[in-house]
């Protein structure tokens, strides 16, 4: 069985919109591009035809991936989240005990992760290390650069 993909309702809706656009707009456009290239003559030496076929193949792969992701998605509701411990969709304020730097992250599913927006995946090393911790706990997390220690300062939604 494929791995579950935890998402918010907004992300789920965006994924559905993207899939619908690919099926109704992009797929017919790819077919039209292939047909136009086919009309230009010999297919053995037709780079435009080859490019159109390759673009269609990539589009079909994206559609298949998105269909699978949607089928394995579970929509999370923020009102059901317990903030006594770190879990998916919680914001956690942590302090790096070595550098004394404090940062805040929101733990999200893999498809929503965006470090610049302060969203980290629950499947990342730091995300895995924070899950289940409570305010005041110290999380010892092994990352590629070594061991890091974070103190949980606050948990919110």
N, C-alpha and C. Protein backbone atom coordinates (compact mmCIF):
# COMPACT_ATOMS: atom_id res chain seq x y z
N UNK A 1 0.84 -1.19 0.00
CA UNK A 1 0.00 0.00 0.00
C UNK A 1 0.88 1.25 0.00
N UNK A 2 0.46 2.25 -0.71
CA UNK A 2 1.22 3.49 -0.78
C UNK A 2 1.11 4.24 0.54
N UNK A 3 2.08 5.10 0.78
CA UNK A 3 2.12 5.86 2.01
C UNK A 3 1.02 6.92 2.02
N UNK A 4 0.40 7.11 3.19
CA UNK A 4 -0.65 8.12 3.30
C UNK A 4 -0.05 9.51 3.17
N UNK A 5 -0.82 10.40 2.61
CA UNK A 5 -0.41 11.77 2.37
C UNK A 5 -1.35 12.67 3.16
N UNK A 6 -0.90 13.25 4.26
CA UNK A 6 -1.74 14.10 5.10
C UNK A 6 -1.70 15.52 4.57
N UNK A 7 -2.88 16.08 4.29
CA UNK A 7 -2.97 17.41 3.71
C UNK A 7 -4.10 18.20 4.36
N UNK A 8 -4.05 19.52 4.19
CA UNK A 8 -5.15 20.36 4.61
C UNK A 8 -6.20 20.37 3.50
N UNK A 9 -7.36 20.86 3.81
CA UNK A 9 -8.42 20.94 2.80
C UNK A 9 -8.00 21.82 1.64
N UNK A 10 -7.32 22.93 1.92
CA UNK A 10 -6.87 23.84 0.85
C UNK A 10 -5.91 23.14 -0.12
N UNK A 11 -4.98 22.38 0.43
CA UNK A 11 -4.03 21.66 -0.42
C UNK A 11 -4.73 20.59 -1.24
N UNK A 12 -5.67 19.88 -0.62
CA UNK A 12 -6.43 18.86 -1.33
C UNK A 12 -7.20 19.49 -2.50
N UNK A 13 -7.85 20.63 -2.23
CA UNK A 13 -8.60 21.31 -3.28
C UNK A 13 -7.69 21.77 -4.42
N UNK A 14 -6.50 22.27 -4.08
CA UNK A 14 -5.55 22.72 -5.11
C UNK A 14 -5.08 21.53 -5.96
N UNK A 15 -4.83 20.40 -5.31
CA UNK A 15 -4.41 19.20 -6.05
C UNK A 15 -5.51 18.76 -7.01
N UNK A 16 -6.77 18.82 -6.57
CA UNK A 16 -7.89 18.44 -7.44
C UNK A 16 -8.01 19.41 -8.62
N UNK A 17 -7.83 20.71 -8.36
CA UNK A 17 -7.89 21.71 -9.43
C UNK A 17 -6.78 21.45 -10.46
N UNK A 18 -5.57 21.17 -9.97
CA UNK A 18 -4.45 20.90 -10.88
C UNK A 18 -4.73 19.67 -11.74
N UNK A 19 -5.26 18.62 -11.13
CA UNK A 19 -5.58 17.40 -11.87
C UNK A 19 -6.65 17.67 -12.92
N UNK A 20 -7.67 18.42 -12.54
CA UNK A 20 -8.75 18.74 -13.48
C UNK A 20 -8.22 19.55 -14.66
N UNK A 21 -7.34 20.52 -14.39
CA UNK A 21 -6.75 21.33 -15.45
C UNK A 21 -5.92 20.46 -16.39
N UNK A 22 -5.13 19.56 -15.80
CA UNK A 22 -4.30 18.68 -16.64
C UNK A 22 -5.15 17.80 -17.54
N UNK A 23 -6.25 17.31 -17.01
CA UNK A 23 -7.12 16.42 -17.80
C UNK A 23 -7.89 17.16 -18.87
N UNK A 24 -8.40 18.35 -18.55
CA UNK A 24 -9.30 19.04 -19.47
C UNK A 24 -8.63 20.06 -20.38
N UNK A 25 -7.48 20.61 -19.97
CA UNK A 25 -6.82 21.63 -20.78
C UNK A 25 -5.49 21.12 -21.34
N UNK A 26 -4.63 20.64 -20.46
CA UNK A 26 -3.28 20.25 -20.89
C UNK A 26 -3.28 19.00 -21.77
N UNK A 27 -4.10 18.00 -21.42
CA UNK A 27 -4.12 16.75 -22.20
C UNK A 27 -4.60 17.00 -23.64
N UNK A 28 -5.72 17.73 -23.85
CA UNK A 28 -6.13 18.02 -25.23
C UNK A 28 -5.10 18.86 -25.99
N UNK A 29 -4.42 19.78 -25.28
CA UNK A 29 -3.40 20.61 -25.93
C UNK A 29 -2.23 19.74 -26.39
N UNK A 30 -1.85 18.76 -25.57
CA UNK A 30 -0.75 17.86 -25.94
C UNK A 30 -1.15 17.01 -27.16
N UNK A 31 -2.37 16.54 -27.18
CA UNK A 31 -2.85 15.75 -28.33
C UNK A 31 -2.86 16.59 -29.60
N UNK A 32 -3.27 17.84 -29.47
CA UNK A 32 -3.32 18.74 -30.62
C UNK A 32 -1.90 19.00 -31.15
N UNK A 33 -0.95 19.19 -30.23
CA UNK A 33 0.44 19.43 -30.64
C UNK A 33 1.00 18.23 -31.39
N UNK A 34 0.65 17.03 -30.95
CA UNK A 34 1.11 15.81 -31.64
C UNK A 34 0.49 15.73 -33.04
N UNK A 35 -0.80 16.04 -33.12
CA UNK A 35 -1.48 15.99 -34.41
C UNK A 35 -0.88 17.00 -35.39
N UNK A 36 -0.59 18.20 -34.91
CA UNK A 36 0.01 19.22 -35.78
C UNK A 36 1.40 18.80 -36.25
N UNK A 37 2.17 18.21 -35.35
CA UNK A 37 3.52 17.76 -35.72
C UNK A 37 3.46 16.60 -36.71
N UNK A 38 2.45 15.73 -36.54
CA UNK A 38 2.30 14.57 -37.42
C UNK A 38 2.01 15.02 -38.85
N UNK A 39 1.28 16.13 -38.99
CA UNK A 39 0.91 16.64 -40.32
C UNK A 39 2.11 17.18 -41.09
N UNK A 40 3.21 17.40 -40.39
CA UNK A 40 4.37 18.03 -41.03
C UNK A 40 5.27 17.03 -41.75
N UNK A 41 4.84 15.80 -41.84
CA UNK A 41 5.60 14.88 -42.68
C UNK A 41 6.23 13.73 -41.94
N UNK A 42 7.37 13.29 -42.45
CA UNK A 42 8.09 12.10 -42.00
C UNK A 42 8.32 12.12 -40.49
N UNK A 43 7.78 11.12 -39.80
CA UNK A 43 7.87 11.07 -38.34
C UNK A 43 9.26 10.64 -37.86
N UNK A 44 10.03 9.99 -38.71
CA UNK A 44 11.36 9.53 -38.30
C UNK A 44 12.31 10.70 -38.05
N UNK A 45 12.15 11.76 -38.80
CA UNK A 45 13.05 12.91 -38.70
C UNK A 45 12.32 14.15 -38.23
N UNK A 46 11.27 13.97 -37.46
CA UNK A 46 10.45 15.09 -37.03
C UNK A 46 10.68 15.35 -35.54
N UNK A 47 11.58 16.28 -35.24
CA UNK A 47 11.92 16.60 -33.85
C UNK A 47 10.72 17.19 -33.11
N UNK A 48 9.89 17.93 -33.81
CA UNK A 48 8.71 18.54 -33.19
C UNK A 48 7.75 17.45 -32.71
N UNK A 49 7.60 16.40 -33.50
CA UNK A 49 6.74 15.27 -33.13
C UNK A 49 7.31 14.56 -31.91
N UNK A 50 8.62 14.32 -31.92
CA UNK A 50 9.26 13.65 -30.78
C UNK A 50 9.09 14.47 -29.50
N UNK A 51 9.27 15.76 -29.60
CA UNK A 51 9.13 16.63 -28.43
C UNK A 51 7.69 16.63 -27.92
N UNK A 52 6.73 16.65 -28.83
CA UNK A 52 5.32 16.65 -28.43
C UNK A 52 4.96 15.33 -27.75
N UNK A 53 5.47 14.21 -28.27
CA UNK A 53 5.22 12.90 -27.66
C UNK A 53 5.86 12.82 -26.26
N UNK A 54 7.05 13.36 -26.13
CA UNK A 54 7.73 13.36 -24.83
C UNK A 54 6.96 14.23 -23.82
N UNK A 55 6.50 15.39 -24.26
CA UNK A 55 5.71 16.27 -23.38
C UNK A 55 4.43 15.58 -22.95
N UNK A 56 3.81 14.86 -23.87
CA UNK A 56 2.58 14.14 -23.53
C UNK A 56 2.88 13.04 -22.49
N UNK A 57 3.97 12.35 -22.66
CA UNK A 57 4.36 11.31 -21.70
C UNK A 57 4.60 11.86 -20.32
N UNK A 58 5.27 13.00 -20.25
CA UNK A 58 5.52 13.63 -18.95
C UNK A 58 4.21 14.09 -18.31
N UNK A 59 3.30 14.63 -19.12
CA UNK A 59 2.00 15.06 -18.61
C UNK A 59 1.23 13.88 -18.05
N UNK A 60 1.23 12.77 -18.77
CA UNK A 60 0.52 11.57 -18.30
C UNK A 60 1.12 11.05 -17.01
N UNK A 61 2.44 11.14 -16.87
CA UNK A 61 3.10 10.72 -15.62
C UNK A 61 2.68 11.62 -14.46
N UNK A 62 2.59 12.92 -14.72
CA UNK A 62 2.15 13.86 -13.67
C UNK A 62 0.71 13.57 -13.27
N UNK A 63 -0.14 13.30 -14.25
CA UNK A 63 -1.55 12.99 -13.96
C UNK A 63 -1.63 11.73 -13.11
N UNK A 64 -0.90 10.70 -13.48
CA UNK A 64 -0.92 9.44 -12.72
C UNK A 64 -0.42 9.66 -11.29
N UNK A 65 0.66 10.43 -11.14
CA UNK A 65 1.20 10.72 -9.80
C UNK A 65 0.16 11.46 -8.95
N UNK A 66 -0.47 12.48 -9.52
CA UNK A 66 -1.45 13.27 -8.79
C UNK A 66 -2.68 12.45 -8.43
N UNK A 67 -3.11 11.56 -9.34
CA UNK A 67 -4.23 10.67 -9.03
C UNK A 67 -3.90 9.78 -7.84
N UNK A 68 -2.68 9.26 -7.81
CA UNK A 68 -2.25 8.43 -6.69
C UNK A 68 -2.16 9.21 -5.39
N UNK A 69 -1.62 10.41 -5.48
CA UNK A 69 -1.49 11.26 -4.29
C UNK A 69 -2.86 11.61 -3.72
N UNK A 70 -3.81 11.92 -4.59
CA UNK A 70 -5.16 12.24 -4.14
C UNK A 70 -5.84 11.02 -3.52
N UNK A 71 -5.64 9.85 -4.12
CA UNK A 71 -6.25 8.63 -3.62
C UNK A 71 -5.73 8.27 -2.22
N UNK A 72 -4.48 8.62 -1.94
CA UNK A 72 -3.89 8.30 -0.65
C UNK A 72 -3.88 9.47 0.32
N UNK A 73 -4.59 10.55 -0.02
CA UNK A 73 -4.62 11.72 0.84
C UNK A 73 -5.65 11.57 1.95
N UNK A 74 -5.29 12.08 3.09
CA UNK A 74 -6.20 12.16 4.22
C UNK A 74 -6.25 13.63 4.63
N UNK A 75 -7.46 14.18 4.65
CA UNK A 75 -7.64 15.59 4.97
C UNK A 75 -7.66 15.76 6.48
N UNK A 76 -6.83 16.66 6.96
CA UNK A 76 -6.76 16.93 8.39
C UNK A 76 -7.51 18.21 8.71
N UNK A 77 -8.22 18.18 9.81
CA UNK A 77 -8.99 19.33 10.27
C UNK A 77 -8.28 19.91 11.48
N UNK A 78 -7.95 21.19 11.45
CA UNK A 78 -7.19 21.80 12.54
C UNK A 78 -7.95 21.80 13.86
N UNK A 79 -9.27 21.73 13.83
CA UNK A 79 -10.04 21.73 15.08
C UNK A 79 -9.91 20.42 15.84
N UNK A 80 -9.45 19.35 15.17
CA UNK A 80 -9.29 18.05 15.81
C UNK A 80 -7.90 17.83 16.39
N UNK A 81 -7.04 18.85 16.31
CA UNK A 81 -5.64 18.67 16.69
C UNK A 81 -5.41 19.01 18.16
N UNK A 82 -4.72 18.10 18.84
CA UNK A 82 -4.36 18.27 20.24
C UNK A 82 -3.03 19.00 20.31
N UNK A 83 -2.99 20.14 21.02
CA UNK A 83 -1.76 20.93 21.09
C UNK A 83 -0.93 20.62 22.34
N UNK A 84 -1.28 19.57 23.07
CA UNK A 84 -0.46 19.22 24.23
C UNK A 84 0.84 18.54 23.80
N UNK A 85 0.85 17.98 22.59
CA UNK A 85 2.04 17.35 22.04
C UNK A 85 2.20 17.79 20.58
N UNK A 86 3.42 17.73 20.09
CA UNK A 86 3.70 18.09 18.70
C UNK A 86 3.11 17.01 17.79
N UNK A 87 2.32 17.45 16.81
CA UNK A 87 1.76 16.54 15.83
C UNK A 87 1.65 17.28 14.49
N UNK A 88 1.19 16.57 13.49
CA UNK A 88 1.03 17.18 12.17
C UNK A 88 0.05 18.35 12.28
N UNK A 89 0.32 19.42 11.56
CA UNK A 89 -0.42 20.68 11.50
C UNK A 89 -0.29 21.55 12.75
N UNK A 90 0.60 21.21 13.68
CA UNK A 90 0.84 22.10 14.80
C UNK A 90 2.03 22.98 14.48
N UNK A 91 2.01 24.18 15.06
CA UNK A 91 3.18 25.07 14.98
C UNK A 91 3.97 24.83 16.24
N UNK A 92 5.26 24.65 16.07
CA UNK A 92 6.11 24.39 17.23
C UNK A 92 7.25 25.40 17.25
N UNK A 93 7.42 26.03 18.39
CA UNK A 93 8.51 26.99 18.58
C UNK A 93 9.62 26.24 19.31
N UNK A 94 10.79 26.18 18.69
CA UNK A 94 11.90 25.41 19.25
C UNK A 94 13.15 26.28 19.36
N UNK A 95 13.98 25.94 20.34
CA UNK A 95 15.25 26.62 20.51
C UNK A 95 16.37 25.61 20.34
N UNK A 96 17.30 25.93 19.47
CA UNK A 96 18.48 25.09 19.29
C UNK A 96 19.36 25.34 20.51
N UNK A 97 19.61 24.31 21.32
CA UNK A 97 20.34 24.47 22.56
C UNK A 97 21.80 24.82 22.35
N UNK A 98 22.36 24.50 21.19
CA UNK A 98 23.76 24.82 20.92
C UNK A 98 23.91 26.28 20.51
N UNK A 99 23.06 26.74 19.58
CA UNK A 99 23.21 28.10 19.05
C UNK A 99 22.31 29.11 19.77
N UNK A 100 21.38 28.62 20.58
CA UNK A 100 20.39 29.46 21.29
C UNK A 100 19.45 30.19 20.34
N UNK A 101 19.39 29.75 19.09
CA UNK A 101 18.51 30.36 18.09
C UNK A 101 17.12 29.73 18.20
N UNK A 102 16.09 30.58 18.20
CA UNK A 102 14.71 30.12 18.29
C UNK A 102 14.03 30.27 16.93
N UNK A 103 13.35 29.21 16.51
CA UNK A 103 12.61 29.24 15.25
C UNK A 103 11.24 28.61 15.47
N UNK A 104 10.33 28.90 14.54
CA UNK A 104 9.00 28.32 14.61
C UNK A 104 8.71 27.62 13.29
N UNK A 105 8.24 26.37 13.39
CA UNK A 105 7.90 25.59 12.22
C UNK A 105 6.49 25.07 12.35
N UNK A 106 5.85 24.90 11.21
CA UNK A 106 4.57 24.20 11.16
C UNK A 106 4.87 22.84 10.55
N UNK A 107 4.43 21.78 11.21
CA UNK A 107 4.64 20.43 10.70
C UNK A 107 3.51 20.07 9.75
N UNK A 108 3.88 19.71 8.54
CA UNK A 108 2.89 19.43 7.50
C UNK A 108 3.24 18.12 6.80
N UNK A 109 2.35 17.69 5.92
CA UNK A 109 2.62 16.52 5.09
C UNK A 109 3.71 16.82 4.10
N UNK A 110 4.26 15.77 3.52
CA UNK A 110 5.40 15.92 2.62
C UNK A 110 5.11 16.84 1.42
N UNK A 111 3.90 16.77 0.90
CA UNK A 111 3.58 17.56 -0.30
C UNK A 111 3.44 19.05 -0.01
N UNK A 112 3.28 19.43 1.25
CA UNK A 112 3.11 20.84 1.61
C UNK A 112 4.37 21.49 2.15
N UNK A 113 5.43 20.71 2.36
CA UNK A 113 6.65 21.23 2.97
C UNK A 113 7.24 22.37 2.16
N UNK A 114 7.63 23.43 2.86
CA UNK A 114 8.24 24.61 2.24
C UNK A 114 9.03 25.33 3.33
N UNK A 115 10.33 25.08 3.39
CA UNK A 115 11.16 25.62 4.47
C UNK A 115 11.12 27.14 4.52
N UNK A 116 11.09 27.79 3.35
CA UNK A 116 11.05 29.25 3.32
C UNK A 116 9.78 29.79 3.97
N UNK A 117 8.69 29.03 3.89
CA UNK A 117 7.42 29.44 4.51
C UNK A 117 7.30 28.93 5.95
N UNK A 118 8.36 28.28 6.45
CA UNK A 118 8.33 27.78 7.82
C UNK A 118 7.55 26.49 7.97
N UNK A 119 7.41 25.73 6.90
CA UNK A 119 6.68 24.47 6.94
C UNK A 119 7.65 23.33 6.69
N UNK A 120 7.74 22.40 7.66
CA UNK A 120 8.61 21.24 7.48
C UNK A 120 7.78 19.97 7.48
N UNK A 121 8.26 18.99 6.77
CA UNK A 121 7.57 17.72 6.63
C UNK A 121 7.71 16.90 7.91
N UNK A 122 6.63 16.20 8.27
CA UNK A 122 6.68 15.31 9.42
C UNK A 122 7.61 14.13 9.16
N UNK A 123 7.95 13.88 7.90
CA UNK A 123 8.84 12.77 7.58
C UNK A 123 10.30 13.20 7.49
N UNK A 124 10.58 14.50 7.68
CA UNK A 124 11.96 14.97 7.71
C UNK A 124 12.60 14.58 9.04
N UNK A 125 13.93 14.55 9.13
CA UNK A 125 14.56 14.19 10.40
C UNK A 125 14.10 15.05 11.58
N UNK A 126 14.03 16.36 11.38
CA UNK A 126 13.58 17.24 12.46
C UNK A 126 12.11 17.01 12.77
N UNK A 127 11.29 16.87 11.73
CA UNK A 127 9.87 16.60 11.94
C UNK A 127 9.64 15.32 12.72
N UNK A 128 10.34 14.25 12.33
CA UNK A 128 10.22 12.96 13.04
C UNK A 128 10.65 13.10 14.50
N UNK A 129 11.71 13.86 14.73
CA UNK A 129 12.23 14.01 16.08
C UNK A 129 11.34 14.83 16.99
N UNK A 130 10.53 15.72 16.41
CA UNK A 130 9.66 16.58 17.21
C UNK A 130 8.31 15.94 17.52
N UNK A 131 7.85 15.04 16.67
CA UNK A 131 6.54 14.42 16.85
C UNK A 131 6.43 13.77 18.23
N UNK A 132 5.35 14.08 18.92
CA UNK A 132 5.07 13.47 20.22
C UNK A 132 5.69 14.19 21.40
N UNK A 133 6.51 15.18 21.17
CA UNK A 133 7.14 15.92 22.27
C UNK A 133 6.17 16.96 22.82
N UNK A 134 6.35 17.31 24.10
CA UNK A 134 5.51 18.31 24.77
C UNK A 134 6.36 19.54 25.09
N UNK A 135 5.69 20.63 25.49
CA UNK A 135 6.39 21.85 25.86
C UNK A 135 7.34 21.55 27.01
N UNK A 136 8.60 22.02 26.88
CA UNK A 136 9.62 21.78 27.89
C UNK A 136 10.51 20.59 27.58
N UNK A 137 10.07 19.69 26.70
CA UNK A 137 10.87 18.52 26.34
C UNK A 137 12.07 18.95 25.50
N UNK A 138 13.12 18.14 25.56
CA UNK A 138 14.29 18.35 24.71
C UNK A 138 14.33 17.19 23.72
N UNK A 139 14.39 17.53 22.45
CA UNK A 139 14.44 16.54 21.38
C UNK A 139 15.86 16.40 20.88
N UNK A 140 16.41 15.20 20.98
CA UNK A 140 17.73 14.89 20.42
C UNK A 140 17.50 14.34 19.02
N UNK A 141 17.93 15.09 18.01
CA UNK A 141 17.63 14.73 16.63
C UNK A 141 18.92 14.54 15.85
N UNK A 142 19.03 13.39 15.21
CA UNK A 142 20.18 13.11 14.37
C UNK A 142 19.88 13.58 12.96
N UNK A 143 20.69 14.51 12.49
CA UNK A 143 20.57 15.06 11.14
C UNK A 143 21.87 14.73 10.40
N UNK A 144 21.91 14.92 9.09
CA UNK A 144 23.14 14.58 8.36
C UNK A 144 24.42 15.22 8.93
N UNK A 145 24.30 16.40 9.54
CA UNK A 145 25.51 17.06 10.06
C UNK A 145 25.84 16.64 11.49
N UNK A 146 25.03 15.76 12.09
CA UNK A 146 25.31 15.30 13.45
C UNK A 146 24.09 15.37 14.34
N UNK A 147 24.32 15.41 15.64
CA UNK A 147 23.24 15.44 16.62
C UNK A 147 22.88 16.89 16.96
N UNK A 148 21.59 17.19 16.94
CA UNK A 148 21.12 18.52 17.32
C UNK A 148 20.13 18.35 18.48
N UNK A 149 20.12 19.33 19.38
CA UNK A 149 19.18 19.30 20.50
C UNK A 149 18.30 20.54 20.41
N UNK A 150 17.00 20.29 20.48
CA UNK A 150 16.02 21.36 20.44
C UNK A 150 15.13 21.29 21.67
N UNK A 151 14.88 22.44 22.27
CA UNK A 151 13.93 22.51 23.39
C UNK A 151 12.61 23.02 22.83
N UNK A 152 11.52 22.34 23.19
CA UNK A 152 10.20 22.74 22.75
C UNK A 152 9.73 23.89 23.63
N UNK A 153 9.54 25.06 23.02
CA UNK A 153 9.13 26.25 23.76
C UNK A 153 7.61 26.43 23.78
N UNK A 154 6.96 26.17 22.66
CA UNK A 154 5.51 26.37 22.57
C UNK A 154 4.95 25.52 21.44
N UNK A 155 3.68 25.14 21.61
CA UNK A 155 2.96 24.38 20.58
C UNK A 155 1.61 25.08 20.38
N UNK A 156 1.29 25.35 19.13
CA UNK A 156 0.02 26.00 18.82
C UNK A 156 -0.50 25.49 17.48
N UNK A 157 -1.65 26.02 17.08
CA UNK A 157 -2.22 25.63 15.78
C UNK A 157 -1.97 26.74 14.78
